[in-house]
Amino acid sequence: MNALRILIIAVVVLPVVGCPEKDPVDQAMEDMDLEIDLESVMIADEEEPTPRLKPASGSGASQGGGNTVTYEAGPTIGEADVIEVVRKKKGQVKSCYEKELKADPGLMGTVIVAWTVSPSGKVSGARVVANSTGNRELESCVKKKITSWTFPASHGASVDIEYPFKFVPGAT
């Protein structure tokens, strides 16, 4: 009976007495007054963000099922088309970030960009909806790159796209 009582005390008391109250990394970050917003950290294996698509104003198109816009003449580009083009052109956006990162090594945040894709696949009206980095040169460079992109041609109407680009030092 005494052996059982000692075992219970060791299991219950030792972890409470033997372990520090805080993780050493958390304590060090607190001592340095650092805070990481895990929602904004891009991890290399993280899935691509979901773009928001909607019919362009005055296009006569309608939002179909899923994230595809349809028009009387046929479907326009869909979410998969947008993700594919952004994935292929990601290096252009990354080069904008890397250039600004040299001047500001702590630069991080999200730049949400909206643009319109015509039925021919050309981009127009690129504009920044939100920019948590506060870096105007970064947003200008990203807008310029997006304006040069071409999406698949469609038989539908123009589509407005909104896409978040997350920037974190060291992320791929």
N, C-alpha and C. Protein backbone atom coordinates (compact mmCIF):
# COMPACT_ATOMS: atom_id res chain seq x y z
N MET A 1 0.81 -1.19 0.00
CA MET A 1 0.00 0.00 0.00
C MET A 1 0.86 1.26 0.00
N ASN A 2 1.98 1.28 0.75
CA ASN A 2 2.88 2.44 0.79
C ASN A 2 3.52 2.70 -0.57
N ALA A 3 3.86 1.63 -1.30
CA ALA A 3 4.48 1.78 -2.63
C ALA A 3 3.51 2.46 -3.58
N LEU A 4 2.23 2.12 -3.49
CA LEU A 4 1.23 2.73 -4.35
C LEU A 4 1.07 4.22 -4.01
N ARG A 5 1.07 4.57 -2.75
CA ARG A 5 0.94 5.95 -2.31
C ARG A 5 2.14 6.78 -2.77
N ILE A 6 3.34 6.24 -2.71
CA ILE A 6 4.54 6.94 -3.16
C ILE A 6 4.49 7.18 -4.66
N LEU A 7 4.02 6.20 -5.40
CA LEU A 7 3.93 6.33 -6.84
C LEU A 7 2.95 7.44 -7.23
N ILE A 8 1.83 7.51 -6.59
CA ILE A 8 0.84 8.55 -6.87
C ILE A 8 1.40 9.92 -6.55
N ILE A 9 2.09 10.06 -5.45
CA ILE A 9 2.69 11.33 -5.06
C ILE A 9 3.74 11.74 -6.10
N ALA A 10 4.55 10.80 -6.56
CA ALA A 10 5.59 11.10 -7.54
C ALA A 10 4.98 11.57 -8.85
N VAL A 11 3.91 10.94 -9.26
CA VAL A 11 3.28 11.30 -10.53
C VAL A 11 2.57 12.64 -10.42
N VAL A 12 1.93 12.91 -9.32
CA VAL A 12 1.16 14.13 -9.19
C VAL A 12 2.02 15.32 -8.78
N VAL A 13 2.94 15.14 -7.86
CA VAL A 13 3.69 16.25 -7.30
C VAL A 13 4.92 16.61 -8.13
N LEU A 14 5.65 15.64 -8.62
CA LEU A 14 6.91 15.94 -9.29
C LEU A 14 6.75 16.81 -10.55
N PRO A 15 5.79 16.53 -11.43
CA PRO A 15 5.68 17.42 -12.58
C PRO A 15 5.35 18.85 -12.20
N VAL A 16 4.57 19.04 -11.17
CA VAL A 16 4.21 20.39 -10.76
C VAL A 16 5.41 21.09 -10.13
N VAL A 17 6.16 20.36 -9.30
CA VAL A 17 7.30 20.95 -8.61
C VAL A 17 8.52 21.00 -9.51
N GLY A 18 8.73 19.99 -10.38
CA GLY A 18 9.96 19.88 -11.16
C GLY A 18 9.99 20.67 -12.44
N CYS A 19 8.88 21.12 -12.98
CA CYS A 19 8.86 21.81 -14.26
C CYS A 19 8.68 23.31 -14.07
N PRO A 20 9.32 24.10 -14.91
CA PRO A 20 9.10 25.55 -14.81
C PRO A 20 7.67 25.88 -15.21
N GLU A 21 7.16 26.99 -14.72
CA GLU A 21 5.78 27.38 -15.01
C GLU A 21 5.60 27.72 -16.47
N LYS A 22 6.59 28.31 -17.11
CA LYS A 22 6.48 28.71 -18.51
C LYS A 22 7.53 27.99 -19.33
N ASP A 23 7.19 27.81 -20.59
CA ASP A 23 8.13 27.28 -21.55
C ASP A 23 9.29 28.27 -21.66
N PRO A 24 10.56 27.81 -21.68
CA PRO A 24 11.70 28.74 -21.74
C PRO A 24 11.65 29.68 -22.95
N VAL A 25 11.15 29.20 -24.09
CA VAL A 25 11.05 30.05 -25.28
C VAL A 25 10.02 31.15 -25.05
N ASP A 26 8.85 30.77 -24.49
CA ASP A 26 7.82 31.77 -24.18
C ASP A 26 8.36 32.80 -23.19
N GLN A 27 9.10 32.34 -22.20
CA GLN A 27 9.65 33.25 -21.19
C GLN A 27 10.65 34.20 -21.83
N ALA A 28 11.51 33.68 -22.71
CA ALA A 28 12.51 34.53 -23.36
C ALA A 28 11.83 35.58 -24.24
N MET A 29 10.78 35.16 -24.97
CA MET A 29 10.05 36.11 -25.81
C MET A 29 9.38 37.18 -24.97
N GLU A 30 8.83 36.77 -23.83
CA GLU A 30 8.19 37.73 -22.93
C GLU A 30 9.22 38.70 -22.37
N ASP A 31 10.41 38.18 -22.00
CA ASP A 31 11.47 39.04 -21.47
C ASP A 31 11.93 40.05 -22.51
N MET A 32 11.92 39.67 -23.80
CA MET A 32 12.34 40.58 -24.87
C MET A 32 11.16 41.40 -25.39
N ASP A 33 9.99 41.21 -24.81
CA ASP A 33 8.79 41.92 -25.21
C ASP A 33 8.45 41.67 -26.68
N LEU A 34 8.58 40.39 -27.11
CA LEU A 34 8.25 39.99 -28.47
C LEU A 34 6.92 39.26 -28.48
N GLU A 35 6.22 39.40 -29.57
CA GLU A 35 4.94 38.72 -29.72
C GLU A 35 4.83 38.27 -31.17
N ILE A 36 4.40 37.03 -31.39
CA ILE A 36 4.22 36.53 -32.75
C ILE A 36 2.75 36.26 -32.98
N ASP A 37 2.23 36.82 -34.07
CA ASP A 37 0.86 36.56 -34.47
C ASP A 37 0.88 35.34 -35.37
N LEU A 38 0.52 34.18 -34.82
CA LEU A 38 0.60 32.94 -35.57
C LEU A 38 -0.32 32.92 -36.78
N GLU A 39 -1.37 33.73 -36.80
CA GLU A 39 -2.27 33.78 -37.94
C GLU A 39 -1.59 34.37 -39.17
N SER A 40 -0.61 35.25 -38.98
CA SER A 40 0.01 35.93 -40.12
C SER A 40 1.29 35.25 -40.59
N VAL A 41 1.76 34.23 -39.87
CA VAL A 41 2.99 33.57 -40.25
C VAL A 41 2.71 32.57 -41.36
N MET A 42 3.40 32.73 -42.48
CA MET A 42 3.22 31.82 -43.60
C MET A 42 4.19 30.66 -43.43
N ILE A 43 3.67 29.46 -43.47
CA ILE A 43 4.46 28.25 -43.38
C ILE A 43 4.57 27.69 -44.78
N ALA A 44 5.73 27.17 -45.14
CA ALA A 44 5.96 26.70 -46.51
C ALA A 44 4.92 25.69 -46.97
N ASP A 45 4.42 24.84 -46.07
CA ASP A 45 3.45 23.82 -46.46
C ASP A 45 2.01 24.31 -46.41
N GLU A 46 1.81 25.54 -46.01
CA GLU A 46 0.46 26.08 -45.87
C GLU A 46 -0.24 26.12 -47.22
N GLU A 47 -1.53 25.83 -47.23
CA GLU A 47 -2.30 25.90 -48.46
C GLU A 47 -2.38 27.33 -48.95
N GLU A 48 -2.58 27.47 -50.27
CA GLU A 48 -2.74 28.79 -50.85
C GLU A 48 -3.99 29.44 -50.26
N PRO A 49 -3.96 30.75 -50.07
CA PRO A 49 -5.18 31.44 -49.61
C PRO A 49 -6.27 31.31 -50.66
N THR A 50 -7.50 31.39 -50.24
CA THR A 50 -8.62 31.31 -51.17
C THR A 50 -8.92 32.70 -51.70
N PRO A 51 -8.83 32.86 -53.04
CA PRO A 51 -9.16 34.17 -53.60
C PRO A 51 -10.67 34.40 -53.54
N ARG A 52 -11.07 35.65 -53.47
CA ARG A 52 -12.50 36.00 -53.54
C ARG A 52 -12.78 36.46 -54.95
N LEU A 53 -13.75 35.82 -55.60
CA LEU A 53 -14.14 36.17 -56.96
C LEU A 53 -15.57 36.65 -56.95
N LYS A 54 -15.86 37.67 -57.77
CA LYS A 54 -17.23 38.13 -57.92
C LYS A 54 -17.36 38.75 -59.31
N PRO A 55 -18.57 38.77 -59.85
CA PRO A 55 -18.75 39.38 -61.16
C PRO A 55 -18.34 40.85 -61.11
N ALA A 56 -17.69 41.30 -62.17
CA ALA A 56 -17.32 42.72 -62.24
C ALA A 56 -18.58 43.55 -62.39
N SER A 57 -18.57 44.74 -61.86
CA SER A 57 -19.72 45.64 -61.93
C SER A 57 -20.17 45.83 -63.37
N GLY A 58 -21.48 45.73 -63.60
CA GLY A 58 -22.05 45.97 -64.93
C GLY A 58 -21.75 44.90 -65.95
N SER A 59 -21.27 43.71 -65.51
CA SER A 59 -20.89 42.69 -66.47
C SER A 59 -22.04 41.79 -66.89
N GLY A 60 -23.14 41.81 -66.15
CA GLY A 60 -24.26 40.93 -66.46
C GLY A 60 -24.02 39.50 -66.01
N ALA A 61 -22.94 39.27 -65.28
CA ALA A 61 -22.62 37.93 -64.81
C ALA A 61 -23.24 37.70 -63.44
N SER A 62 -23.24 36.44 -63.02
CA SER A 62 -23.77 36.11 -61.70
C SER A 62 -22.84 35.14 -61.01
N GLN A 63 -22.91 35.14 -59.68
CA GLN A 63 -22.09 34.24 -58.89
C GLN A 63 -22.71 32.86 -58.98
N GLY A 64 -21.95 31.89 -59.48
CA GLY A 64 -22.45 30.52 -59.60
C GLY A 64 -22.15 29.73 -58.35
N GLY A 65 -22.34 28.42 -58.44
CA GLY A 65 -22.02 27.55 -57.32
C GLY A 65 -20.53 27.53 -57.09
N GLY A 66 -20.10 27.29 -55.88
CA GLY A 66 -18.68 27.28 -55.57
C GLY A 66 -18.13 28.68 -55.68
N ASN A 67 -16.95 28.81 -56.26
CA ASN A 67 -16.33 30.11 -56.41
C ASN A 67 -16.05 30.36 -57.89
N THR A 68 -17.04 30.11 -58.73
CA THR A 68 -16.95 30.36 -60.16
C THR A 68 -18.03 31.34 -60.53
N VAL A 69 -17.71 32.25 -61.43
CA VAL A 69 -18.68 33.23 -61.89
C VAL A 69 -19.17 32.78 -63.26
N THR A 70 -20.49 32.85 -63.48
CA THR A 70 -21.02 32.43 -64.78
C THR A 70 -21.65 33.61 -65.50
N TYR A 71 -21.73 33.48 -66.81
CA TYR A 71 -22.25 34.53 -67.67
C TYR A 71 -23.08 33.83 -68.73
N GLU A 72 -23.97 34.54 -69.36
CA GLU A 72 -24.84 33.92 -70.37
C GLU A 72 -24.04 33.16 -71.42
N ALA A 73 -22.86 33.66 -71.81
CA ALA A 73 -22.08 33.02 -72.86
C ALA A 73 -21.25 31.85 -72.34
N GLY A 74 -21.12 31.69 -71.02
CA GLY A 74 -20.35 30.58 -70.47
C GLY A 74 -19.61 30.99 -69.21
N PRO A 75 -18.90 30.03 -68.60
CA PRO A 75 -18.21 30.32 -67.35
C PRO A 75 -16.97 31.18 -67.58
N THR A 76 -16.63 31.93 -66.56
CA THR A 76 -15.40 32.72 -66.59
C THR A 76 -14.36 31.96 -65.79
N ILE A 77 -13.30 32.62 -65.40
CA ILE A 77 -12.26 31.94 -64.63
C ILE A 77 -12.80 31.58 -63.25
N GLY A 78 -12.21 30.56 -62.66
CA GLY A 78 -12.61 30.11 -61.33
C GLY A 78 -11.46 30.21 -60.35
N GLU A 79 -11.73 29.80 -59.14
CA GLU A 79 -10.75 29.85 -58.06
C GLU A 79 -9.48 29.10 -58.42
N ALA A 80 -9.61 27.92 -59.02
CA ALA A 80 -8.44 27.11 -59.37
C ALA A 80 -7.56 27.84 -60.38
N ASP A 81 -8.18 28.55 -61.34
CA ASP A 81 -7.42 29.31 -62.33
C ASP A 81 -6.60 30.41 -61.65
N VAL A 82 -7.22 31.09 -60.72
CA VAL A 82 -6.55 32.19 -60.01
C VAL A 82 -5.37 31.64 -59.20
N ILE A 83 -5.61 30.57 -58.46
CA ILE A 83 -4.55 29.99 -57.63
C ILE A 83 -3.39 29.53 -58.51
N GLU A 84 -3.69 28.93 -59.66
CA GLU A 84 -2.63 28.45 -60.56
C GLU A 84 -1.76 29.60 -61.07
N VAL A 85 -2.39 30.68 -61.51
CA VAL A 85 -1.63 31.82 -62.02
C VAL A 85 -0.82 32.46 -60.89
N VAL A 86 -1.42 32.65 -59.73
CA VAL A 86 -0.69 33.26 -58.61
C VAL A 86 0.49 32.38 -58.22
N ARG A 87 0.30 31.07 -58.19
CA ARG A 87 1.39 30.16 -57.84
C ARG A 87 2.54 30.28 -58.85
N LYS A 88 2.21 30.36 -60.13
CA LYS A 88 3.25 30.49 -61.16
C LYS A 88 3.98 31.82 -61.08
N LYS A 89 3.28 32.87 -60.67
CA LYS A 89 3.86 34.22 -60.64
C LYS A 89 4.35 34.62 -59.25
N LYS A 90 4.28 33.71 -58.31
CA LYS A 90 4.65 33.99 -56.92
C LYS A 90 6.06 34.59 -56.80
N GLY A 91 6.97 34.15 -57.64
CA GLY A 91 8.34 34.65 -57.59
C GLY A 91 8.43 36.15 -57.84
N GLN A 92 7.54 36.67 -58.69
CA GLN A 92 7.54 38.11 -58.95
C GLN A 92 7.17 38.89 -57.70
N VAL A 93 6.15 38.41 -57.01
CA VAL A 93 5.71 39.07 -55.77
C VAL A 93 6.78 38.93 -54.69
N LYS A 94 7.39 37.75 -54.65
CA LYS A 94 8.44 37.51 -53.66
C LYS A 94 9.62 38.45 -53.90
N SER A 95 9.95 38.72 -55.17
CA SER A 95 11.08 39.63 -55.45
C SER A 95 10.78 41.04 -54.94
N CYS A 96 9.52 41.46 -55.02
CA CYS A 96 9.13 42.77 -54.47
C CYS A 96 9.41 42.79 -52.97
N TYR A 97 9.00 41.71 -52.30
CA TYR A 97 9.17 41.62 -50.85
C TYR A 97 10.65 41.57 -50.47
N GLU A 98 11.42 40.75 -51.17
CA GLU A 98 12.83 40.62 -50.84
C GLU A 98 13.58 41.94 -50.99
N LYS A 99 13.20 42.72 -51.99
CA LYS A 99 13.83 44.03 -52.19
C LYS A 99 13.57 44.93 -50.98
N GLU A 100 12.33 44.97 -50.51
CA GLU A 100 11.98 45.83 -49.37
C GLU A 100 12.50 45.26 -48.05
N LEU A 101 12.66 43.95 -48.00
CA LEU A 101 13.16 43.29 -46.79
C LEU A 101 14.61 43.67 -46.51
N LYS A 102 15.37 43.97 -47.57
CA LYS A 102 16.76 44.40 -47.40
C LYS A 102 16.82 45.72 -46.63
N ALA A 103 15.88 46.60 -46.89
CA ALA A 103 15.84 47.90 -46.21
C ALA A 103 15.21 47.79 -44.82
N ASP A 104 14.30 46.82 -44.65
CA ASP A 104 13.59 46.66 -43.38
C ASP A 104 13.48 45.17 -43.05
N PRO A 105 14.50 44.59 -42.37
CA PRO A 105 14.54 43.15 -42.10
C PRO A 105 13.36 42.62 -41.28
N GLY A 106 12.65 43.48 -40.60
CA GLY A 106 11.49 43.04 -39.81
C GLY A 106 10.17 43.18 -40.55
N LEU A 107 10.23 43.53 -41.81
CA LEU A 107 9.00 43.76 -42.60
C LEU A 107 8.18 42.48 -42.71
N MET A 108 6.94 42.56 -42.28
CA MET A 108 6.03 41.43 -42.41
C MET A 108 4.59 41.93 -42.36
N GLY A 109 3.69 41.11 -42.87
CA GLY A 109 2.28 41.48 -42.85
C GLY A 109 1.57 40.95 -44.08
N THR A 110 0.37 41.45 -44.30
CA THR A 110 -0.46 41.00 -45.41
C THR A 110 -0.84 42.19 -46.27
N VAL A 111 -0.74 41.99 -47.58
CA VAL A 111 -1.20 42.98 -48.54
C VAL A 111 -2.33 42.32 -49.33
N ILE A 112 -3.54 42.87 -49.21
CA ILE A 112 -4.68 42.35 -49.94
C ILE A 112 -4.86 43.20 -51.19
N VAL A 113 -4.80 42.54 -52.34
CA VAL A 113 -4.89 43.25 -53.61
C VAL A 113 -6.14 42.79 -54.35
N ALA A 114 -6.83 43.74 -54.97
CA ALA A 114 -8.01 43.45 -55.79
C ALA A 114 -7.70 43.86 -57.22
N TRP A 115 -8.20 43.11 -58.18
CA TRP A 115 -8.02 43.44 -59.58
C TRP A 115 -9.15 42.83 -60.39
N THR A 116 -9.27 43.26 -61.64
CA THR A 116 -10.29 42.76 -62.54
C THR A 116 -9.62 42.00 -63.67
N VAL A 117 -10.19 40.83 -64.00
CA VAL A 117 -9.70 40.04 -65.13
C VAL A 117 -10.77 40.08 -66.21
N SER A 118 -10.38 40.52 -67.40
CA SER A 118 -11.32 40.60 -68.52
C SER A 118 -11.50 39.22 -69.15
N PRO A 119 -12.51 39.04 -70.01
CA PRO A 119 -12.69 37.75 -70.69
C PRO A 119 -11.45 37.33 -71.50
N SER A 120 -10.64 38.29 -71.93
CA SER A 120 -9.42 37.96 -72.67
C SER A 120 -8.30 37.49 -71.74
N GLY A 121 -8.49 37.66 -70.43
CA GLY A 121 -7.49 37.24 -69.45
C GLY A 121 -6.58 38.35 -68.98
N LYS A 122 -6.76 39.55 -69.52
CA LYS A 122 -5.91 40.68 -69.12
C LYS A 122 -6.37 41.26 -67.79
N VAL A 123 -5.39 41.76 -67.03
CA VAL A 123 -5.66 42.33 -65.71
C VAL A 123 -5.76 43.85 -65.83
N SER A 124 -6.71 44.41 -65.11
CA SER A 124 -6.83 45.87 -65.04
C SER A 124 -7.27 46.26 -63.63
N GLY A 125 -7.08 47.53 -63.32
CA GLY A 125 -7.59 48.08 -62.07
C GLY A 125 -7.00 47.49 -60.80
N ALA A 126 -5.75 47.06 -60.82
CA ALA A 126 -5.15 46.52 -59.60
C ALA A 126 -5.08 47.61 -58.54
N ARG A 127 -5.54 47.28 -57.35
CA ARG A 127 -5.54 48.25 -56.25
C ARG A 127 -5.36 47.51 -54.92
N VAL A 128 -4.77 48.17 -53.96
CA VAL A 128 -4.56 47.58 -52.65
C VAL A 128 -5.78 47.87 -51.79
N VAL A 129 -6.35 46.81 -51.24
CA VAL A 129 -7.53 46.92 -50.37
C VAL A 129 -7.09 47.13 -48.92
N ALA A 130 -6.01 46.44 -48.54
CA ALA A 130 -5.47 46.56 -47.18
C ALA A 130 -3.98 46.24 -47.22
N ASN A 131 -3.22 46.90 -46.34
CA ASN A 131 -1.78 46.69 -46.29
C ASN A 131 -1.31 46.81 -44.85
N SER A 132 -1.15 45.67 -44.18
CA SER A 132 -0.71 45.71 -42.78
C SER A 132 0.80 45.91 -42.65
N THR A 133 1.54 45.84 -43.77
CA THR A 133 2.99 46.07 -43.70
C THR A 133 3.31 47.55 -43.58
N GLY A 134 2.42 48.40 -44.10
CA GLY A 134 2.65 49.84 -44.09
C GLY A 134 3.69 50.28 -45.10
N ASN A 135 4.18 49.38 -45.93
CA ASN A 135 5.24 49.69 -46.88
C ASN A 135 4.63 49.99 -48.25
N ARG A 136 4.66 51.26 -48.64
CA ARG A 136 4.05 51.71 -49.90
C ARG A 136 4.81 51.20 -51.13
N GLU A 137 6.14 51.07 -51.01
CA GLU A 137 6.92 50.57 -52.14
C GLU A 137 6.56 49.12 -52.44
N LEU A 138 6.36 48.32 -51.39
CA LEU A 138 5.96 46.92 -51.56
C LEU A 138 4.62 46.83 -52.27
N GLU A 139 3.64 47.60 -51.80
CA GLU A 139 2.32 47.52 -52.42
C GLU A 139 2.36 48.00 -53.87
N SER A 140 3.14 49.02 -54.17
CA SER A 140 3.26 49.53 -55.53
C SER A 140 3.88 48.48 -56.45
N CYS A 141 4.91 47.83 -55.99
CA CYS A 141 5.58 46.79 -56.77
C CYS A 141 4.65 45.60 -57.03
N VAL A 142 3.92 45.17 -55.99
CA VAL A 142 3.00 44.03 -56.14
C VAL A 142 1.90 44.39 -57.15
N LYS A 143 1.33 45.59 -57.06
CA LYS A 143 0.30 46.02 -58.01
C LYS A 143 0.84 45.99 -59.44
N LYS A 144 2.06 46.50 -59.62
CA LYS A 144 2.66 46.55 -60.95
C LYS A 144 2.85 45.14 -61.52
N LYS A 145 3.32 44.22 -60.69
CA LYS A 145 3.51 42.83 -61.14
C LYS A 145 2.18 42.21 -61.54
N ILE A 146 1.16 42.37 -60.70
CA ILE A 146 -0.15 41.76 -60.99
C ILE A 146 -0.74 42.31 -62.28
N THR A 147 -0.55 43.58 -62.54
CA THR A 147 -1.07 44.20 -63.75
C THR A 147 -0.47 43.55 -65.01
N SER A 148 0.72 42.98 -64.90
CA SER A 148 1.37 42.35 -66.05
C SER A 148 0.94 40.89 -66.26
N TRP A 149 0.20 40.33 -65.32
CA TRP A 149 -0.20 38.92 -65.41
C TRP A 149 -1.30 38.73 -66.45
N THR A 150 -1.38 37.49 -66.97
CA THR A 150 -2.46 37.11 -67.88
C THR A 150 -3.09 35.84 -67.33
N PHE A 151 -4.40 35.84 -67.28
CA PHE A 151 -5.17 34.68 -66.82
C PHE A 151 -5.75 33.96 -68.04
N PRO A 152 -6.25 32.75 -67.85
CA PRO A 152 -6.84 32.05 -68.99
C PRO A 152 -8.01 32.85 -69.57
N ALA A 153 -8.11 32.86 -70.90
CA ALA A 153 -9.24 33.53 -71.55
C ALA A 153 -10.50 32.74 -71.24
N SER A 154 -11.64 33.42 -71.23
CA SER A 154 -12.90 32.74 -70.93
C SER A 154 -13.97 33.21 -71.90
N HIS A 155 -15.11 32.60 -71.81
CA HIS A 155 -16.23 32.99 -72.67
C HIS A 155 -17.26 33.77 -71.86
N GLY A 156 -16.85 34.24 -70.72
CA GLY A 156 -17.77 34.93 -69.84
C GLY A 156 -17.46 36.40 -69.72
N ALA A 157 -17.81 36.95 -68.58
CA ALA A 157 -17.64 38.38 -68.31
C ALA A 157 -16.37 38.60 -67.50
N SER A 158 -16.08 39.86 -67.27
CA SER A 158 -14.96 40.23 -66.41
C SER A 158 -15.26 39.79 -64.98
N VAL A 159 -14.19 39.50 -64.25
CA VAL A 159 -14.32 39.03 -62.87
C VAL A 159 -13.42 39.87 -61.97
N ASP A 160 -13.95 40.29 -60.82
CA ASP A 160 -13.16 40.99 -59.81
C ASP A 160 -12.57 39.94 -58.87
N ILE A 161 -11.30 40.08 -58.59
CA ILE A 161 -10.59 39.14 -57.71
C ILE A 161 -9.99 39.92 -56.56
N GLU A 162 -10.01 39.32 -55.38
CA GLU A 162 -9.35 39.88 -54.20
C GLU A 162 -8.49 38.77 -53.64
N TYR A 163 -7.20 39.05 -53.43
CA TYR A 163 -6.27 38.00 -53.01
C TYR A 163 -5.32 38.53 -51.93
N PRO A 164 -5.17 37.77 -50.83
CA PRO A 164 -4.24 38.19 -49.77
C PRO A 164 -2.85 37.61 -49.99
N PHE A 165 -1.84 38.47 -49.96
CA PHE A 165 -0.45 38.03 -50.04
C PHE A 165 0.15 38.21 -48.66
N LYS A 166 0.60 37.11 -48.06
CA LYS A 166 1.19 37.16 -46.72
C LYS A 166 2.70 37.18 -46.85
N PHE A 167 3.33 38.10 -46.13
CA PHE A 167 4.77 38.27 -46.19
C PHE A 167 5.38 38.05 -44.80
N VAL A 168 6.31 37.09 -44.73
CA VAL A 168 6.99 36.77 -43.48
C VAL A 168 8.45 36.49 -43.80
N PRO A 169 9.40 37.11 -43.10
CA PRO A 169 10.81 36.84 -43.38
C PRO A 169 11.12 35.34 -43.20
N GLY A 170 11.85 34.79 -44.15
CA GLY A 170 12.26 33.39 -44.06
C GLY A 170 11.26 32.40 -44.61
N ALA A 171 10.04 32.81 -44.94
CA ALA A 171 9.06 31.88 -45.52
C ALA A 171 9.35 31.71 -47.00
N THR A 172 9.01 30.53 -47.50
CA THR A 172 9.23 30.28 -48.93
C THR A 172 7.97 30.45 -49.71
